Amino acid sequence: MSNAAQDLAAALQRQAVRKVAAAPAARGADWRMATVTAVHSDGTVTADGIVCRRLETYSAPAVGDLIIISQSGAGSWITLGRTATTG
């Protein structure tokens, strides 16, 4: 492949990465663990800087809870609830 073709391929790859990073729908859904830093009266919590809607089953949330959060392909966040403690 020529240098011009390699440069074009690299530029297209960089552009694709930028577009995917800017569009949650392109990334698809994902989940991870996070620590609750704030509990809100509107049914949401903030965990690791992300505001998440609580499921009804996640009752009595508290700051410091280790929770599972999930992001939809459209970018919305929910929390599935607290993880089990060890011991």
N, C-alpha and C. Protein backbone atom coordinates (compact mmCIF):
# COMPACT_ATOMS: atom_id res chain seq x y z
N MET A 1 0.84 -1.17 0.00
CA MET A 1 0.00 0.00 0.00
C MET A 1 0.89 1.24 0.00
N SER A 2 0.52 2.22 -0.77
CA SER A 2 1.31 3.45 -0.87
C SER A 2 1.15 4.30 0.39
N ASN A 3 2.05 5.25 0.57
CA ASN A 3 1.97 6.15 1.72
C ASN A 3 0.66 6.93 1.72
N ALA A 4 0.21 7.38 0.56
CA ALA A 4 -1.04 8.13 0.47
C ALA A 4 -2.22 7.27 0.92
N ALA A 5 -2.23 6.01 0.49
CA ALA A 5 -3.30 5.10 0.88
C ALA A 5 -3.25 4.82 2.38
N GLN A 6 -2.05 4.65 2.93
CA GLN A 6 -1.89 4.41 4.37
C GLN A 6 -2.35 5.63 5.17
N ASP A 7 -2.00 6.82 4.70
CA ASP A 7 -2.43 8.05 5.37
C ASP A 7 -3.94 8.18 5.35
N LEU A 8 -4.56 7.87 4.21
CA LEU A 8 -6.01 7.93 4.10
C LEU A 8 -6.67 6.93 5.04
N ALA A 9 -6.16 5.70 5.08
CA ALA A 9 -6.71 4.67 5.96
C ALA A 9 -6.60 5.09 7.42
N ALA A 10 -5.48 5.67 7.80
CA ALA A 10 -5.28 6.12 9.18
C ALA A 10 -6.23 7.26 9.52
N ALA A 11 -6.41 8.19 8.58
CA ALA A 11 -7.33 9.31 8.81
C ALA A 11 -8.77 8.82 8.95
N LEU A 12 -9.17 7.88 8.12
CA LEU A 12 -10.52 7.32 8.22
C LEU A 12 -10.73 6.61 9.55
N GLN A 13 -9.73 5.89 9.99
CA GLN A 13 -9.83 5.19 11.27
C GLN A 13 -9.96 6.19 12.42
N ARG A 14 -9.17 7.25 12.42
CA ARG A 14 -9.26 8.28 13.47
C ARG A 14 -10.64 8.92 13.46
N GLN A 15 -11.17 9.23 12.29
CA GLN A 15 -12.50 9.83 12.17
C GLN A 15 -13.57 8.88 12.70
N ALA A 16 -13.47 7.61 12.39
CA ALA A 16 -14.44 6.63 12.88
C ALA A 16 -14.42 6.55 14.40
N VAL A 17 -13.25 6.55 14.99
CA VAL A 17 -13.13 6.50 16.45
C VAL A 17 -13.78 7.72 17.07
N ARG A 18 -13.55 8.90 16.51
CA ARG A 18 -14.16 10.14 17.03
C ARG A 18 -15.67 10.09 16.93
N LYS A 19 -16.20 9.61 15.82
CA LYS A 19 -17.65 9.55 15.62
C LYS A 19 -18.29 8.57 16.60
N VAL A 20 -17.68 7.42 16.78
CA VAL A 20 -18.23 6.44 17.72
C VAL A 20 -18.19 6.96 19.15
N ALA A 21 -17.11 7.64 19.51
CA ALA A 21 -17.01 8.20 20.86
C ALA A 21 -18.09 9.24 21.11
N ALA A 22 -18.52 9.93 20.09
CA ALA A 22 -19.53 10.99 20.22
C ALA A 22 -20.96 10.47 20.12
N ALA A 23 -21.15 9.22 19.73
CA ALA A 23 -22.50 8.70 19.49
C ALA A 23 -22.72 7.41 20.28
N PRO A 24 -23.43 7.48 21.45
CA PRO A 24 -23.66 6.28 22.23
C PRO A 24 -24.34 5.17 21.44
N ALA A 25 -25.21 5.51 20.51
CA ALA A 25 -25.91 4.48 19.73
C ALA A 25 -24.94 3.64 18.92
N ALA A 26 -23.83 4.22 18.51
CA ALA A 26 -22.83 3.48 17.75
C ALA A 26 -22.05 2.52 18.64
N ARG A 27 -21.93 2.88 19.91
CA ARG A 27 -21.19 2.03 20.84
C ARG A 27 -22.02 0.84 21.30
N GLY A 28 -23.33 0.99 21.37
CA GLY A 28 -24.18 -0.05 21.92
C GLY A 28 -24.26 0.08 23.43
N ALA A 29 -24.98 -0.83 24.05
CA ALA A 29 -25.17 -0.81 25.49
C ALA A 29 -23.93 -1.33 26.21
N ASP A 30 -23.81 -0.95 27.48
CA ASP A 30 -22.68 -1.40 28.28
C ASP A 30 -23.06 -1.29 29.75
N TRP A 31 -22.36 -2.01 30.61
CA TRP A 31 -22.58 -1.89 32.05
C TRP A 31 -21.24 -1.88 32.77
N ARG A 32 -21.27 -1.39 34.03
CA ARG A 32 -20.07 -1.39 34.86
C ARG A 32 -20.45 -1.18 36.31
N MET A 33 -19.50 -1.29 37.20
CA MET A 33 -19.73 -1.03 38.61
C MET A 33 -19.34 0.41 38.91
N ALA A 34 -20.04 1.02 39.88
CA ALA A 34 -19.77 2.41 40.26
C ALA A 34 -20.16 2.59 41.72
N THR A 35 -19.64 3.64 42.32
CA THR A 35 -19.95 3.96 43.72
C THR A 35 -20.87 5.16 43.79
N VAL A 36 -21.95 5.03 44.56
CA VAL A 36 -22.93 6.12 44.71
C VAL A 36 -22.29 7.27 45.47
N THR A 37 -22.41 8.47 44.89
CA THR A 37 -21.89 9.67 45.53
C THR A 37 -23.00 10.63 45.96
N ALA A 38 -24.23 10.42 45.44
CA ALA A 38 -25.37 11.25 45.84
C ALA A 38 -26.67 10.49 45.56
N VAL A 39 -27.64 10.70 46.43
CA VAL A 39 -28.98 10.11 46.28
C VAL A 39 -29.96 11.26 46.10
N HIS A 40 -30.80 11.21 45.07
CA HIS A 40 -31.72 12.29 44.76
C HIS A 40 -33.17 11.86 45.00
N SER A 41 -34.04 12.82 45.30
CA SER A 41 -35.43 12.52 45.61
C SER A 41 -36.27 12.19 44.37
N ASP A 42 -35.70 12.35 43.18
CA ASP A 42 -36.45 12.09 41.94
C ASP A 42 -36.28 10.66 41.42
N GLY A 43 -35.73 9.76 42.25
CA GLY A 43 -35.56 8.37 41.81
C GLY A 43 -34.25 8.11 41.10
N THR A 44 -33.31 9.05 41.22
CA THR A 44 -32.01 8.86 40.60
C THR A 44 -30.92 8.88 41.66
N VAL A 45 -29.77 8.36 41.28
CA VAL A 45 -28.55 8.48 42.09
C VAL A 45 -27.44 8.96 41.18
N THR A 46 -26.43 9.56 41.77
CA THR A 46 -25.23 9.88 41.02
C THR A 46 -24.16 8.90 41.47
N ALA A 47 -23.52 8.27 40.50
CA ALA A 47 -22.47 7.30 40.78
C ALA A 47 -21.30 7.57 39.84
N ASP A 48 -20.15 7.83 40.41
CA ASP A 48 -18.96 8.15 39.61
C ASP A 48 -19.23 9.27 38.61
N GLY A 49 -20.04 10.25 39.03
CA GLY A 49 -20.34 11.40 38.19
C GLY A 49 -21.45 11.19 37.17
N ILE A 50 -22.08 10.02 37.16
CA ILE A 50 -23.14 9.70 36.20
C ILE A 50 -24.48 9.64 36.93
N VAL A 51 -25.47 10.38 36.43
CA VAL A 51 -26.81 10.33 37.01
C VAL A 51 -27.55 9.15 36.40
N CYS A 52 -28.06 8.27 37.26
CA CYS A 52 -28.71 7.03 36.83
C CYS A 52 -30.10 6.92 37.43
N ARG A 53 -31.05 6.48 36.64
CA ARG A 53 -32.40 6.18 37.13
C ARG A 53 -32.34 4.87 37.89
N ARG A 54 -32.96 4.83 39.10
CA ARG A 54 -32.99 3.60 39.89
C ARG A 54 -34.14 2.70 39.46
N LEU A 55 -33.89 1.39 39.48
CA LEU A 55 -34.97 0.43 39.33
C LEU A 55 -35.77 0.42 40.64
N GLU A 56 -37.03 0.05 40.58
CA GLU A 56 -37.88 0.00 41.77
C GLU A 56 -37.31 -0.94 42.84
N THR A 57 -36.61 -1.97 42.40
CA THR A 57 -36.05 -2.95 43.35
C THR A 57 -34.85 -2.42 44.12
N TYR A 58 -34.26 -1.31 43.68
CA TYR A 58 -33.13 -0.72 44.40
C TYR A 58 -33.68 0.29 45.40
N SER A 59 -34.14 -0.23 46.52
CA SER A 59 -34.72 0.63 47.54
C SER A 59 -33.63 1.02 48.55
N ALA A 60 -33.86 2.12 49.20
CA ALA A 60 -32.95 2.65 50.23
C ALA A 60 -31.51 2.80 49.75
N PRO A 61 -31.31 3.50 48.65
CA PRO A 61 -29.93 3.73 48.19
C PRO A 61 -29.18 4.60 49.19
N ALA A 62 -27.88 4.42 49.26
CA ALA A 62 -27.07 5.21 50.19
C ALA A 62 -25.73 5.56 49.54
N VAL A 63 -25.22 6.71 49.91
CA VAL A 63 -23.89 7.11 49.45
C VAL A 63 -22.90 6.03 49.90
N GLY A 64 -22.03 5.63 48.99
CA GLY A 64 -21.05 4.60 49.27
C GLY A 64 -21.44 3.23 48.75
N ASP A 65 -22.73 3.05 48.36
CA ASP A 65 -23.15 1.76 47.78
C ASP A 65 -22.34 1.47 46.52
N LEU A 66 -21.92 0.23 46.37
CA LEU A 66 -21.30 -0.23 45.13
C LEU A 66 -22.42 -0.82 44.28
N ILE A 67 -22.69 -0.21 43.13
CA ILE A 67 -23.84 -0.59 42.31
C ILE A 67 -23.41 -0.98 40.90
N ILE A 68 -24.33 -1.60 40.21
CA ILE A 68 -24.17 -1.90 38.79
C ILE A 68 -24.94 -0.83 38.03
N ILE A 69 -24.28 -0.17 37.06
CA ILE A 69 -24.96 0.79 36.21
C ILE A 69 -24.87 0.30 34.77
N SER A 70 -25.91 0.63 34.02
CA SER A 70 -25.99 0.17 32.63
C SER A 70 -26.41 1.33 31.74
N GLN A 71 -25.75 1.44 30.59
CA GLN A 71 -26.07 2.49 29.62
C GLN A 71 -26.71 1.88 28.39
N SER A 72 -27.83 2.47 27.98
CA SER A 72 -28.49 2.01 26.76
C SER A 72 -27.73 2.51 25.54
N GLY A 73 -28.03 1.96 24.39
CA GLY A 73 -27.42 2.42 23.16
C GLY A 73 -27.75 3.87 22.85
N ALA A 74 -28.85 4.37 23.42
CA ALA A 74 -29.25 5.77 23.22
C ALA A 74 -28.60 6.71 24.21
N GLY A 75 -27.85 6.15 25.18
CA GLY A 75 -27.12 6.99 26.12
C GLY A 75 -27.75 7.14 27.49
N SER A 76 -28.94 6.60 27.73
CA SER A 76 -29.59 6.69 29.03
C SER A 76 -28.93 5.71 30.01
N TRP A 77 -28.90 6.09 31.30
CA TRP A 77 -28.29 5.27 32.34
C TRP A 77 -29.34 4.80 33.33
N ILE A 78 -29.23 3.53 33.79
CA ILE A 78 -30.03 3.02 34.90
C ILE A 78 -29.09 2.31 35.86
N THR A 79 -29.55 2.17 37.09
CA THR A 79 -28.82 1.34 38.03
C THR A 79 -29.64 0.11 38.35
N LEU A 80 -29.00 -1.03 38.26
CA LEU A 80 -29.66 -2.30 38.55
C LEU A 80 -29.69 -2.55 40.04
N GLY A 81 -28.92 -1.80 40.80
CA GLY A 81 -28.95 -1.92 42.25
C GLY A 81 -27.60 -2.24 42.85
N ARG A 82 -27.65 -2.42 44.15
CA ARG A 82 -26.46 -2.63 44.97
C ARG A 82 -25.91 -4.04 44.74
N THR A 83 -24.58 -4.16 44.80
CA THR A 83 -23.96 -5.48 44.72
C THR A 83 -23.93 -6.10 46.12
N ALA A 84 -23.79 -7.41 46.18
CA ALA A 84 -23.74 -8.11 47.45
C ALA A 84 -22.44 -7.78 48.18
N THR A 85 -22.51 -7.73 49.49
CA THR A 85 -21.31 -7.50 50.28
C THR A 85 -20.63 -8.85 50.55
N THR A 86 -19.36 -8.80 50.79
CA THR A 86 -18.64 -10.03 51.12
C THR A 86 -18.72 -10.28 52.60
N GLY A 87 -18.60 -11.53 52.97
CA GLY A 87 -18.58 -11.83 54.39
C GLY A 87 -19.66 -12.65 54.78
